Amino acid sequence: MKKGLVAIGILVIAALAAGGFWWSRNRLLPVPIASDASLFVAPNPDPGQDQAVLTFLLPSGPGLHAFVIRQVGEPLFVPSADGGADGGWTGLLAEAVWASPNHRHWRVRLRQAVRLHDGHLLESRWALAALRHMVDGPFQAGAIGTVVDDRTFDLDFPEPWEALQRLSTPGAVLLTGSGPHAIGSGPFRLTTSPTGETYLARFDGYRHGNTAIAEVHVPEDPGLLEGHRWATDITAGRYALAVYPGGVAPDDMAKVRSAPYDQIHMKDGSVWFISRRMRRLHPNLSDWSRTSLYGAWQADMDLPYDPR
């Protein structure tokens, strides 16, 4: 009898130990993330600047796509500027996050009063729907998403998944729809003109305030990047931002260097020419597709820039 009780006791202790180990590895613990308050300064443009229409001349490709999407949608998190304090992460759409020690279970609480381009408030069900369409996102890794409440959702994975790193890459912004019908919560919304051109238009419901740029056009005509034509357009000041395409004749390049542009050398070897009217734009030199145009034009700019 005693041996039986001892065996039962051992089994109970083992079960409790196993349960305690499981609980210790799967319980949710708060992850420190910094506030985004320091990342946004109200543009407060001079009268007229809020009607600025800009044209960017950039080569087509994944980088341009990520740049445009970065203006339309917002990520849940971004790496902190200091790379280490407050856990090394800053919450944008996310106000708080919890994770299990084994990184298989995550909980995210969204910020309040985030307005989408279609007028609705950002809610958990919308965020999960956007994550389902994300390339290399959590649902492609087998996640199960659960709505906890209007602002909180869970992601449970069969294997460890580094949500902070994976959800802060340049293309990991929350969007629904595709192409010119994509809906996000960023400072610009995708808009289609009567002629069929898709461009960025200021979103007046942006929670941090309105950007001083009314429209951003990004033509994708490869002929515009032909050396002589590119140099002529730059000299005429037709672009707020352009990338050096190479193959520009020395005489043309001499004229370009006297044009009212600042040259910025990116870490990938490309050279940007940024209009001096946009000196407040500070590109992310390590990855330009992360650059946000919000707040690029502020109170000391020249008159509105409209190449049309």
C-alpha atoms as a PDB file:
ATOM      1  CA  MET A   1       0.000   0.000   0.000  1.00  0.00           C
ATOM      2  CA  LYS A   2       2.760   2.381   0.966  1.00  0.00           C
ATOM      3  CA  LYS A   3       4.637   1.639  -2.243  1.00  0.00           C
ATOM      4  CA  GLY A   4       1.507   2.471  -4.221  1.00  0.00           C
ATOM      5  CA  LEU A   5       1.089   5.785  -2.410  1.00  0.00           C
ATOM      6  CA  VAL A   6       4.738   6.612  -2.984  1.00  0.00           C
ATOM      7  CA  ALA A   7       4.380   5.842  -6.692  1.00  0.00           C
ATOM      8  CA  ILE A   8       1.276   8.009  -6.925  1.00  0.00           C
ATOM      9  CA  GLY A   9       3.083  10.792  -5.063  1.00  0.00           C
ATOM     10  CA  ILE A  10       6.015  10.594  -7.461  1.00  0.00           C
ATOM     11  CA  LEU A  11       3.647  10.756 -10.447  1.00  0.00           C
ATOM     12  CA  VAL A  12       1.842  13.783  -8.962  1.00  0.00           C
ATOM     13  CA  ILE A  13       5.141  15.568  -8.306  1.00  0.00           C
ATOM     14  CA  ALA A  14       6.358  14.758 -11.817  1.00  0.00           C
ATOM     15  CA  ALA A  15       3.103  16.027 -13.313  1.00  0.00           C
ATOM     16  CA  LEU A  16       3.295  19.220 -11.274  1.00  0.00           C
ATOM     17  CA  ALA A  17       6.926  19.695 -12.284  1.00  0.00           C
ATOM     18  CA  ALA A  18       6.089  19.158 -15.947  1.00  0.00           C
ATOM     19  CA  GLY A  19       3.137  21.515 -15.680  1.00  0.00           C
ATOM     20  CA  GLY A  20       5.274  24.095 -13.917  1.00  0.00           C
ATOM     21  CA  PHE A  21       7.947  23.843 -16.605  1.00  0.00           C
ATOM     22  CA  TRP A  22       5.333  24.189 -19.365  1.00  0.00           C
ATOM     23  CA  TRP A  23       3.815  27.191 -17.608  1.00  0.00           C
ATOM     24  CA  SER A  24       7.228  28.815 -17.130  1.00  0.00           C
ATOM     25  CA  ARG A  25       7.994  28.488 -20.841  1.00  0.00           C
ATOM     26  CA  ASN A  26       4.555  29.488 -22.166  1.00  0.00           C
ATOM     27  CA  ARG A  27       3.359  32.224 -19.802  1.00  0.00           C
ATOM     28  CA  LEU A  28       3.146  35.727 -21.226  1.00  0.00           C
ATOM     29  CA  LEU A  29       5.563  38.325 -19.878  1.00  0.00           C
ATOM     30  CA  PRO A  30       5.607  42.046 -20.778  1.00  0.00           C
ATOM     31  CA  VAL A  31       8.263  43.076 -23.306  1.00  0.00           C
ATOM     32  CA  PRO A  32       9.601  46.624 -22.767  1.00  0.00           C
ATOM     33  CA  ILE A  33       9.031  48.878 -25.783  1.00  0.00           C
ATOM     34  CA  ALA A  34       9.570  52.626 -25.997  1.00  0.00           C
ATOM     35  CA  SER A  35       6.905  55.220 -26.774  1.00  0.00           C
ATOM     36  CA  ASP A  36       6.814  56.737 -30.250  1.00  0.00           C
ATOM     37  CA  ALA A  37       6.268  60.268 -28.878  1.00  0.00           C
ATOM     38  CA  SER A  38       9.771  61.446 -29.809  1.00  0.00           C
ATOM     39  CA  LEU A  39       9.457  60.220 -33.400  1.00  0.00           C
ATOM     40  CA  PHE A  40       6.762  62.693 -34.426  1.00  0.00           C
ATOM     41  CA  VAL A  41       6.779  66.488 -34.394  1.00  0.00           C
ATOM     42  CA  ALA A  42       3.737  68.399 -35.616  1.00  0.00           C
ATOM     43  CA  PRO A  43       4.606  69.788 -39.073  1.00  0.00           C
ATOM     44  CA  ASN A  44       3.011  73.218 -38.498  1.00  0.00           C
ATOM     45  CA  PRO A  45       3.657  74.340 -42.085  1.00  0.00           C
ATOM     46  CA  ASP A  46       3.705  77.929 -43.248  1.00  0.00           C
ATOM     47  CA  PRO A  47       0.576  79.023 -45.131  1.00  0.00           C
ATOM     48  CA  GLY A  48       0.588  77.464 -48.572  1.00  0.00           C
ATOM     49  CA  GLN A  49       3.099  74.735 -47.833  1.00  0.00           C
ATOM     50  CA  ASP A  50       0.338  72.294 -47.103  1.00  0.00           C
ATOM     51  CA  GLN A  51      -0.462  72.369 -50.818  1.00  0.00           C
ATOM     52  CA  ALA A  52       3.013  71.183 -51.864  1.00  0.00           C
ATOM     53  CA  VAL A  53       3.024  68.638 -54.682  1.00  0.00           C
ATOM     54  CA  LEU A  54       6.265  66.669 -55.001  1.00  0.00           C
ATOM     55  CA  THR A  55       7.596  64.377 -57.722  1.00  0.00           C
ATOM     56  CA  PHE A  56      10.244  61.759 -56.945  1.00  0.00           C
ATOM     57  CA  LEU A  57      12.302  60.095 -59.666  1.00  0.00           C
ATOM     58  CA  LEU A  58      13.431  56.715 -58.352  1.00  0.00           C
ATOM     59  CA  PRO A  59      14.189  53.405 -60.076  1.00  0.00           C
ATOM     60  CA  SER A  60      11.451  50.787 -59.978  1.00  0.00           C
ATOM     61  CA  GLY A  61      11.955  47.725 -57.823  1.00  0.00           C
ATOM     62  CA  PRO A  62      11.410  46.268 -54.350  1.00  0.00           C
ATOM     63  CA  GLY A  63      13.016  49.282 -52.664  1.00  0.00           C
ATOM     64  CA  LEU A  64      10.632  51.750 -54.302  1.00  0.00           C
ATOM     65  CA  HIS A  65       7.667  49.525 -53.502  1.00  0.00           C
ATOM     66  CA  ALA A  66       8.682  49.277 -49.827  1.00  0.00           C
ATOM     67  CA  PHE A  67       9.211  53.063 -49.698  1.00  0.00           C
ATOM     68  CA  VAL A  68       5.724  53.800 -51.055  1.00  0.00           C
ATOM     69  CA  ILE A  69       4.092  51.222 -48.785  1.00  0.00           C
ATOM     70  CA  ARG A  70       5.941  52.740 -45.795  1.00  0.00           C
ATOM     71  CA  GLN A  71       4.089  56.018 -46.412  1.00  0.00           C
ATOM     72  CA  VAL A  72       0.700  54.273 -46.611  1.00  0.00           C
ATOM     73  CA  GLY A  73       0.890  51.693 -43.849  1.00  0.00           C
ATOM     74  CA  GLU A  74       2.609  51.582 -40.478  1.00  0.00           C
ATOM     75  CA  PRO A  75       4.460  48.758 -38.729  1.00  0.00           C
ATOM     76  CA  LEU A  76       3.564  47.526 -35.284  1.00  0.00           C
ATOM     77  CA  PHE A  77       7.143  48.158 -34.101  1.00  0.00           C
ATOM     78  CA  VAL A  78      10.378  49.764 -35.275  1.00  0.00           C
ATOM     79  CA  PRO A  79      13.894  49.345 -33.875  1.00  0.00           C
ATOM     80  CA  SER A  80      14.723  52.062 -31.356  1.00  0.00           C
ATOM     81  CA  ALA A  81      17.205  54.664 -32.557  1.00  0.00           C
ATOM     82  CA  ASP A  82      19.652  53.819 -29.742  1.00  0.00           C
ATOM     83  CA  GLY A  83      19.349  50.109 -30.509  1.00  0.00           C
ATOM     84  CA  GLY A  84      19.304  49.031 -26.903  1.00  0.00           C
ATOM     85  CA  ALA A  85      17.343  51.104 -24.387  1.00  0.00           C
ATOM     86  CA  ASP A  86      13.735  50.174 -23.607  1.00  0.00           C
ATOM     87  CA  GLY A  87      14.328  46.735 -25.023  1.00  0.00           C
ATOM     88  CA  GLY A  88      15.584  48.098 -28.334  1.00  0.00           C
ATOM     89  CA  TRP A  89      12.099  48.542 -29.817  1.00  0.00           C
ATOM     90  CA  THR A  90       9.617  51.367 -30.246  1.00  0.00           C
ATOM     91  CA  GLY A  91       5.914  50.772 -30.596  1.00  0.00           C
ATOM     92  CA  LEU A  92       4.113  52.504 -33.474  1.00  0.00           C
ATOM     93  CA  LEU A  93       0.744  50.835 -33.991  1.00  0.00           C
ATOM     94  CA  ALA A  94       1.487  48.654 -30.956  1.00  0.00           C
ATOM     95  CA  GLU A  95       1.108  50.200 -27.523  1.00  0.00           C
ATOM     96  CA  ALA A  96       2.250  47.128 -25.584  1.00  0.00           C
ATOM     97  CA  VAL A  97       3.455  43.591 -26.266  1.00  0.00           C
ATOM     98  CA  TRP A  98       3.864  40.407 -24.255  1.00  0.00           C
ATOM     99  CA  ALA A  99       5.810  37.269 -25.146  1.00  0.00           C
ATOM    100  CA  SER A 100       6.390  33.822 -23.674  1.00  0.00           C
ATOM    101  CA  PRO A 101       9.989  32.832 -22.802  1.00  0.00           C
ATOM    102  CA  ASN A 102       9.956  30.281 -25.632  1.00  0.00           C
ATOM    103  CA  HIS A 103       8.766  32.972 -28.134  1.00  0.00           C
ATOM    104  CA  ARG A 104       5.872  30.815 -29.295  1.00  0.00           C
ATOM    105  CA  HIS A 105       3.105  32.964 -27.803  1.00  0.00           C
ATOM    106  CA  TRP A 106       2.690  36.710 -28.351  1.00  0.00           C
ATOM    107  CA  ARG A 107       0.070  39.243 -27.312  1.00  0.00           C
ATOM    108  CA  VAL A 108      -0.178  42.716 -28.866  1.00  0.00           C
ATOM    109  CA  ARG A 109      -2.242  45.680 -27.688  1.00  0.00           C
ATOM    110  CA  LEU A 110      -2.912  48.332 -30.330  1.00  0.00           C
ATOM    111  CA  ARG A 111      -2.915  52.065 -29.789  1.00  0.00           C
ATOM    112  CA  GLN A 112      -6.174  53.889 -29.269  1.00  0.00           C
ATOM    113  CA  ALA A 113      -7.738  56.244 -31.802  1.00  0.00           C
ATOM    114  CA  VAL A 114      -5.770  55.061 -34.832  1.00  0.00           C
ATOM    115  CA  ARG A 115      -7.887  55.952 -37.860  1.00  0.00           C
ATOM    116  CA  LEU A 116      -7.732  53.968 -41.101  1.00  0.00           C
ATOM    117  CA  HIS A 117      -7.902  55.547 -44.534  1.00  0.00           C
ATOM    118  CA  ASP A 118     -11.468  54.314 -44.982  1.00  0.00           C
ATOM    119  CA  GLY A 119     -12.555  56.097 -41.795  1.00  0.00           C
ATOM    120  CA  HIS A 120     -12.767  53.073 -39.502  1.00  0.00           C
ATOM    121  CA  LEU A 121     -10.777  52.704 -36.299  1.00  0.00           C
ATOM    122  CA  LEU A 122      -7.930  50.213 -36.175  1.00  0.00           C
ATOM    123  CA  GLU A 123      -9.157  47.123 -34.323  1.00  0.00           C
ATOM    124  CA  SER A 124      -7.739  43.699 -33.583  1.00  0.00           C
ATOM    125  CA  ARG A 125      -9.796  41.948 -36.255  1.00  0.00           C
ATOM    126  CA  TRP A 126      -8.516  44.379 -38.897  1.00  0.00           C
ATOM    127  CA  ALA A 127      -4.912  43.943 -37.732  1.00  0.00           C
ATOM    128  CA  LEU A 128      -5.176  40.148 -37.900  1.00  0.00           C
ATOM    129  CA  ALA A 129      -6.731  40.370 -41.379  1.00  0.00           C
ATOM    130  CA  ALA A 130      -3.805  42.537 -42.524  1.00  0.00           C
ATOM    131  CA  LEU A 131      -1.274  40.138 -40.991  1.00  0.00           C
ATOM    132  CA  ARG A 132      -2.847  37.235 -42.876  1.00  0.00           C
ATOM    133  CA  HIS A 133      -1.881  38.870 -46.174  1.00  0.00           C
ATOM    134  CA  MET A 134       1.653  39.786 -45.113  1.00  0.00           C
ATOM    135  CA  VAL A 135       4.377  38.107 -47.158  1.00  0.00           C
ATOM    136  CA  ASP A 136       6.523  35.972 -44.826  1.00  0.00           C
ATOM    137  CA  GLY A 137       4.210  37.049 -42.013  1.00  0.00           C
ATOM    138  CA  PRO A 138       3.064  35.184 -38.913  1.00  0.00           C
ATOM    139  CA  PHE A 139       0.315  33.183 -40.605  1.00  0.00           C
ATOM    140  CA  GLN A 140       2.789  31.834 -43.159  1.00  0.00           C
ATOM    141  CA  ALA A 141       4.637  30.440 -40.137  1.00  0.00           C
ATOM    142  CA  GLY A 142       1.541  28.568 -38.953  1.00  0.00           C
ATOM    143  CA  ALA A 143       0.321  31.094 -36.379  1.00  0.00           C
ATOM    144  CA  ILE A 144      -3.151  30.975 -34.880  1.00  0.00           C
ATOM    145  CA  GLY A 145      -4.590  34.457 -34.344  1.00  0.00           C
ATOM    146  CA  THR A 146      -7.133  35.166 -31.614  1.00  0.00           C
ATOM    147  CA  VAL A 147      -9.018  38.381 -30.882  1.00  0.00           C
ATOM    148  CA  VAL A 148      -8.839  39.093 -27.138  1.00  0.00           C
ATOM    149  CA  ASP A 149     -10.720  42.395 -27.324  1.00  0.00           C
ATOM    150  CA  ASP A 150     -11.072  45.314 -29.747  1.00  0.00           C
ATOM    151  CA  ARG A 151      -7.477  46.409 -29.196  1.00  0.00           C
ATOM    152  CA  THR A 152      -5.716  43.183 -28.198  1.00  0.00           C
ATOM    153  CA  PHE A 153      -4.910  40.011 -30.118  1.00  0.00           C
ATOM    154  CA  ASP A 154      -2.827  36.870 -29.605  1.00  0.00           C
ATOM    155  CA  LEU A 155      -0.517  35.027 -31.995  1.00  0.00           C
ATOM    156  CA  ASP A 156       0.338  31.430 -31.108  1.00  0.00           C
ATOM    157  CA  PHE A 157       3.024  29.590 -33.085  1.00  0.00           C
ATOM    158  CA  PRO A 158       3.968  25.921 -33.352  1.00  0.00           C
ATOM    159  CA  GLU A 159       7.643  26.947 -33.232  1.00  0.00           C
ATOM    160  CA  PRO A 160       9.504  29.960 -31.797  1.00  0.00           C
ATOM    161  CA  TRP A 161       8.955  33.112 -33.905  1.00  0.00           C
ATOM    162  CA  GLU A 162      10.776  36.422 -33.360  1.00  0.00           C
ATOM    163  CA  ALA A 163       7.792  38.748 -33.746  1.00  0.00           C
ATOM    164  CA  LEU A 164       9.604  42.006 -32.931  1.00  0.00           C
ATOM    165  CA  GLN A 165      12.283  41.480 -35.557  1.00  0.00           C
ATOM    166  CA  ARG A 166       9.988  39.990 -38.195  1.00  0.00           C
ATOM    167  CA  LEU A 167       7.247  42.616 -37.806  1.00  0.00           C
ATOM    168  CA  SER A 168       9.617  45.605 -37.967  1.00  0.00           C
ATOM    169  CA  THR A 169      11.168  44.964 -41.400  1.00  0.00           C
ATOM    170  CA  PRO A 170      10.565  47.675 -44.065  1.00  0.00           C
ATOM    171  CA  GLY A 171       7.715  45.868 -45.821  1.00  0.00           C
ATOM    172  CA  ALA A 172       5.995  44.621 -42.660  1.00  0.00           C
ATOM    173  CA  VAL A 173       3.316  47.308 -42.462  1.00  0.00           C
ATOM    174  CA  LEU A 174      -0.359  46.702 -41.789  1.00  0.00           C
ATOM    175  CA  LEU A 175      -2.364  47.000 -45.005  1.00  0.00           C
ATOM    176  CA  THR A 176      -5.506  45.465 -46.404  1.00  0.00           C
ATOM    177  CA  GLY A 177      -6.298  45.357 -50.085  1.00  0.00           C
ATOM    178  CA  SER A 178      -3.683  45.572 -52.796  1.00  0.00           C
ATOM    179  CA  GLY A 179      -2.392  47.973 -55.430  1.00  0.00           C
ATOM    180  CA  PRO A 180      -4.185  51.328 -55.570  1.00  0.00           C
ATOM    181  CA  HIS A 181      -6.885  49.965 -53.244  1.00  0.00           C
ATOM    182  CA  ALA A 182      -4.562  49.271 -50.306  1.00  0.00           C
ATOM    183  CA  ILE A 183      -5.830  50.697 -47.015  1.00  0.00           C
ATOM    184  CA  GLY A 184      -3.546  51.576 -44.116  1.00  0.00           C
ATOM    185  CA  SER A 185      -3.183  54.157 -41.360  1.00  0.00           C
ATOM    186  CA  GLY A 186      -0.091  56.072 -42.538  1.00  0.00           C
ATOM    187  CA  PRO A 187       0.238  59.806 -43.315  1.00  0.00           C
ATOM    188  CA  PHE A 188      -0.552  59.191 -47.003  1.00  0.00           C
ATOM    189  CA  ARG A 189      -3.164  57.131 -48.820  1.00  0.00           C
ATOM    190  CA  LEU A 190      -2.950  55.598 -52.273  1.00  0.00           C
ATOM    191  CA  THR A 191      -5.118  57.538 -54.705  1.00  0.00           C
ATOM    192  CA  THR A 192      -5.898  57.072 -58.392  1.00  0.00           C
ATOM    193  CA  SER A 193      -6.280  60.093 -60.670  1.00  0.00           C
ATOM    194  CA  PRO A 194      -8.846  60.290 -63.517  1.00  0.00           C
ATOM    195  CA  THR A 195      -5.995  59.434 -65.924  1.00  0.00           C
ATOM    196  CA  GLY A 196      -5.236  56.220 -64.044  1.00  0.00           C
ATOM    197  CA  GLU A 197      -2.065  57.408 -62.270  1.00  0.00           C
ATOM    198  CA  THR A 198      -1.610  56.121 -58.737  1.00  0.00           C
ATOM    199  CA  TYR A 199      -0.014  58.588 -56.330  1.00  0.00           C
ATOM    200  CA  LEU A 200       0.239  59.390 -52.619  1.00  0.00           C
ATOM    201  CA  ALA A 201      -2.254  61.890 -51.216  1.00  0.00           C
ATOM    202  CA  ARG A 202      -2.143  63.347 -47.715  1.00  0.00           C
ATOM    203  CA  PHE A 203      -4.391  61.577 -45.208  1.00  0.00           C
ATOM    204  CA  ASP A 204      -6.119  64.187 -43.063  1.00  0.00           C
ATOM    205  CA  GLY A 205      -7.039  61.638 -40.386  1.00  0.00           C
ATOM    206  CA  TYR A 206      -3.443  60.835 -39.442  1.00  0.00           C
ATOM    207  CA  ARG A 207      -3.241  60.795 -35.646  1.00  0.00           C
ATOM    208  CA  HIS A 208       0.042  62.723 -35.403  1.00  0.00           C
ATOM    209  CA  GLY A 209      -1.214  65.617 -37.521  1.00  0.00           C
ATOM    210  CA  ASN A 210      -1.127  66.350 -41.224  1.00  0.00           C
ATOM    211  CA  THR A 211       2.023  66.314 -43.282  1.00  0.00           C
ATOM    212  CA  ALA A 212       2.853  69.554 -45.088  1.00  0.00           C
ATOM    213  CA  ILE A 213       3.040  67.633 -48.370  1.00  0.00           C
ATOM    214  CA  ALA A 214      -0.274  67.382 -50.225  1.00  0.00           C
ATOM    215  CA  GLU A 215       0.741  64.885 -52.925  1.00  0.00           C
ATOM    216  CA  VAL A 216       3.707  62.705 -53.863  1.00  0.00           C
ATOM    217  CA  HIS A 217       4.043  61.420 -57.426  1.00  0.00           C
ATOM    218  CA  VAL A 218       6.489  58.662 -58.341  1.00  0.00           C
ATOM    219  CA  PRO A 219       6.602  58.195 -62.135  1.00  0.00           C
ATOM    220  CA  GLU A 220       7.962  54.828 -63.208  1.00  0.00           C
ATOM    221  CA  ASP A 221       8.901  55.665 -66.808  1.00  0.00           C
ATOM    222  CA  PRO A 222      12.398  54.178 -67.353  1.00  0.00           C
ATOM    223  CA  GLY A 223      13.033  56.817 -70.045  1.00  0.00           C
ATOM    224  CA  LEU A 224      13.090  59.513 -67.379  1.00  0.00           C
ATOM    225  CA  LEU A 225      16.276  57.938 -65.982  1.00  0.00           C
ATOM    226  CA  GLU A 226      18.150  58.169 -69.291  1.00  0.00           C
ATOM    227  CA  GLY A 227      21.331  60.115 -68.575  1.00  0.00           C
ATOM    228  CA  HIS A 228      20.829  63.305 -70.595  1.00  0.00           C
ATOM    229  CA  ARG A 229      17.113  63.562 -69.901  1.00  0.00           C
ATOM    230  CA  TRP A 230      17.677  62.940 -66.193  1.00  0.00           C
ATOM    231  CA  ALA A 231      20.316  65.686 -66.047  1.00  0.00           C
ATOM    232  CA  THR A 232      18.085  68.146 -67.918  1.00  0.00           C
ATOM    233  CA  ASP A 233      15.150  67.497 -65.565  1.00  0.00           C
ATOM    234  CA  ILE A 234      17.337  67.798 -62.467  1.00  0.00           C
ATOM    235  CA  THR A 235      18.838  71.086 -63.681  1.00  0.00           C
ATOM    236  CA  ALA A 236      15.319  72.398 -64.262  1.00  0.00           C
ATOM    237  CA  GLY A 237      14.401  71.461 -60.665  1.00  0.00           C
ATOM    238  CA  ARG A 238      11.552  69.172 -61.694  1.00  0.00           C
ATOM    239  CA  TYR A 239      12.037  66.647 -58.899  1.00  0.00           C
ATOM    240  CA  ALA A 240      12.026  66.961 -55.151  1.00  0.00           C
ATOM    241  CA  LEU A 241      14.134  63.824 -54.913  1.00  0.00           C
ATOM    242  CA  ALA A 242      15.957  61.757 -57.541  1.00  0.00           C
ATOM    243  CA  VAL A 243      18.538  58.998 -57.604  1.00  0.00           C
ATOM    244  CA  TYR A 244      21.641  59.157 -59.801  1.00  0.00           C
ATOM    245  CA  PRO A 245      21.116  56.693 -62.674  1.00  0.00           C
ATOM    246  CA  GLY A 246      24.712  56.581 -63.932  1.00  0.00           C
ATOM    247  CA  GLY A 247      25.763  57.147 -67.532  1.00  0.00           C
ATOM    248  CA  VAL A 248      25.534  60.938 -67.340  1.00  0.00           C
ATOM    249  CA  ALA A 249      27.902  62.883 -69.595  1.00  0.00           C
ATOM    250  CA  PRO A 250      30.527  65.047 -67.781  1.00  0.00           C
ATOM    251  CA  ASP A 251      29.099  68.298 -69.187  1.00  0.00           C
ATOM    252  CA  ASP A 252      25.607  67.363 -68.047  1.00  0.00           C
ATOM    253  CA  MET A 253      26.918  66.313 -64.631  1.00  0.00           C
ATOM    254  CA  ALA A 254      28.680  69.659 -64.196  1.00  0.00           C
ATOM    255  CA  LYS A 255      25.317  71.406 -64.665  1.00  0.00           C
ATOM    256  CA  VAL A 256      23.628  69.024 -62.240  1.00  0.00           C
ATOM    257  CA  ARG A 257      26.178  69.767 -59.527  1.00  0.00           C
ATOM    258  CA  SER A 258      25.324  73.457 -59.731  1.00  0.00           C
ATOM    259  CA  ALA A 259      21.587  72.784 -59.415  1.00  0.00           C
ATOM    260  CA  PRO A 260      19.814  73.438 -56.070  1.00  0.00           C
ATOM    261  CA  TYR A 261      20.171  69.886 -54.753  1.00  0.00           C
ATOM    262  CA  ASP A 262      22.054  68.263 -51.900  1.00  0.00           C
ATOM    263  CA  GLN A 263      23.832  64.991 -52.662  1.00  0.00           C
ATOM    264  CA  ILE A 264      23.465  62.183 -50.142  1.00  0.00           C
ATOM    265  CA  HIS A 265      25.474  58.974 -50.501  1.00  0.00           C
ATOM    266  CA  MET A 266      23.543  55.951 -49.298  1.00  0.00           C
ATOM    267  CA  LYS A 267      25.157  52.862 -47.811  1.00  0.00           C
ATOM    268  CA  ASP A 268      24.091  50.737 -50.769  1.00  0.00           C
ATOM    269  CA  GLY A 269      26.231  52.909 -53.051  1.00  0.00           C
ATOM    270  CA  SER A 270      23.393  54.913 -54.595  1.00  0.00           C
ATOM    271  CA  VAL A 271      23.500  58.722 -54.643  1.00  0.00           C
ATOM    272  CA  TRP A 272      20.404  60.774 -53.942  1.00  0.00           C
ATOM    273  CA  PHE A 273      19.804  64.311 -55.097  1.00  0.00           C
ATOM    274  CA  ILE A 274      17.426  65.977 -52.645  1.00  0.00           C
ATOM    275  CA  SER A 275      15.991  69.404 -53.316  1.00  0.00           C
ATOM    276  CA  ARG A 276      17.242  71.935 -50.775  1.00  0.00           C
ATOM    277  CA  ARG A 277      13.624  72.755 -50.133  1.00  0.00           C
ATOM    278  CA  MET A 278      13.453  69.352 -48.442  1.00  0.00           C
ATOM    279  CA  ARG A 279      16.472  69.657 -46.183  1.00  0.00           C
ATOM    280  CA  ARG A 280      14.409  68.516 -43.235  1.00  0.00           C
ATOM    281  CA  LEU A 281      14.032  65.123 -44.854  1.00  0.00           C
ATOM    282  CA  HIS A 282      16.546  62.805 -43.195  1.00  0.00           C
ATOM    283  CA  PRO A 283      16.742  59.519 -45.126  1.00  0.00           C
ATOM    284  CA  ASN A 284      17.568  56.350 -43.265  1.00  0.00           C
ATOM    285  CA  LEU A 285      21.028  55.774 -44.703  1.00  0.00           C
ATOM    286  CA  SER A 286      21.094  52.085 -43.826  1.00  0.00           C
ATOM    287  CA  ASP A 287      17.839  51.328 -45.632  1.00  0.00           C
ATOM    288  CA  TRP A 288      16.110  54.128 -47.529  1.00  0.00           C
ATOM    289  CA  SER A 289      12.889  52.136 -47.876  1.00  0.00           C
ATOM    290  CA  ARG A 290      12.263  52.823 -44.164  1.00  0.00           C
ATOM    291  CA  THR A 291      12.286  56.599 -44.686  1.00  0.00           C
ATOM    292  CA  SER A 292       9.028  58.330 -43.786  1.00  0.00           C
ATOM    293  CA  LEU A 293       7.980  61.610 -45.403  1.00  0.00           C
ATOM    294  CA  TYR A 294       5.939  62.732 -42.420  1.00  0.00           C
ATOM    295  CA  GLY A 295       7.288  66.043 -41.127  1.00  0.00           C
ATOM    296  CA  ALA A 296       9.731  66.413 -44.025  1.00  0.00           C
ATOM    297  CA  TRP A 297       8.566  69.960 -44.738  1.00  0.00           C
ATOM    298  CA  GLN A 298       8.399  72.316 -41.808  1.00  0.00           C
ATOM    299  CA  ALA A 299       8.268  76.001 -41.044  1.00  0.00           C
ATOM    300  CA  ASP A 300      11.485  77.239 -42.722  1.00  0.00           C
ATOM    301  CA  MET A 301      10.778  75.927 -46.221  1.00  0.00           C
ATOM    302  CA  ASP A 302      10.488  77.949 -49.397  1.00  0.00           C
ATOM    303  CA  LEU A 303       7.279  78.484 -51.316  1.00  0.00           C
ATOM    304  CA  PRO A 304       5.260  75.430 -52.320  1.00  0.00           C
ATOM    305  CA  TYR A 305       7.026  73.117 -54.735  1.00  0.00           C
ATOM    306  CA  ASP A 306       4.833  72.130 -57.666  1.00  0.00           C
ATOM    307  CA  PRO A 307       6.622  70.811 -60.768  1.00  0.00           C
ATOM    308  CA  ARG A 308       3.327  70.693 -62.667  1.00  0.00           C
END
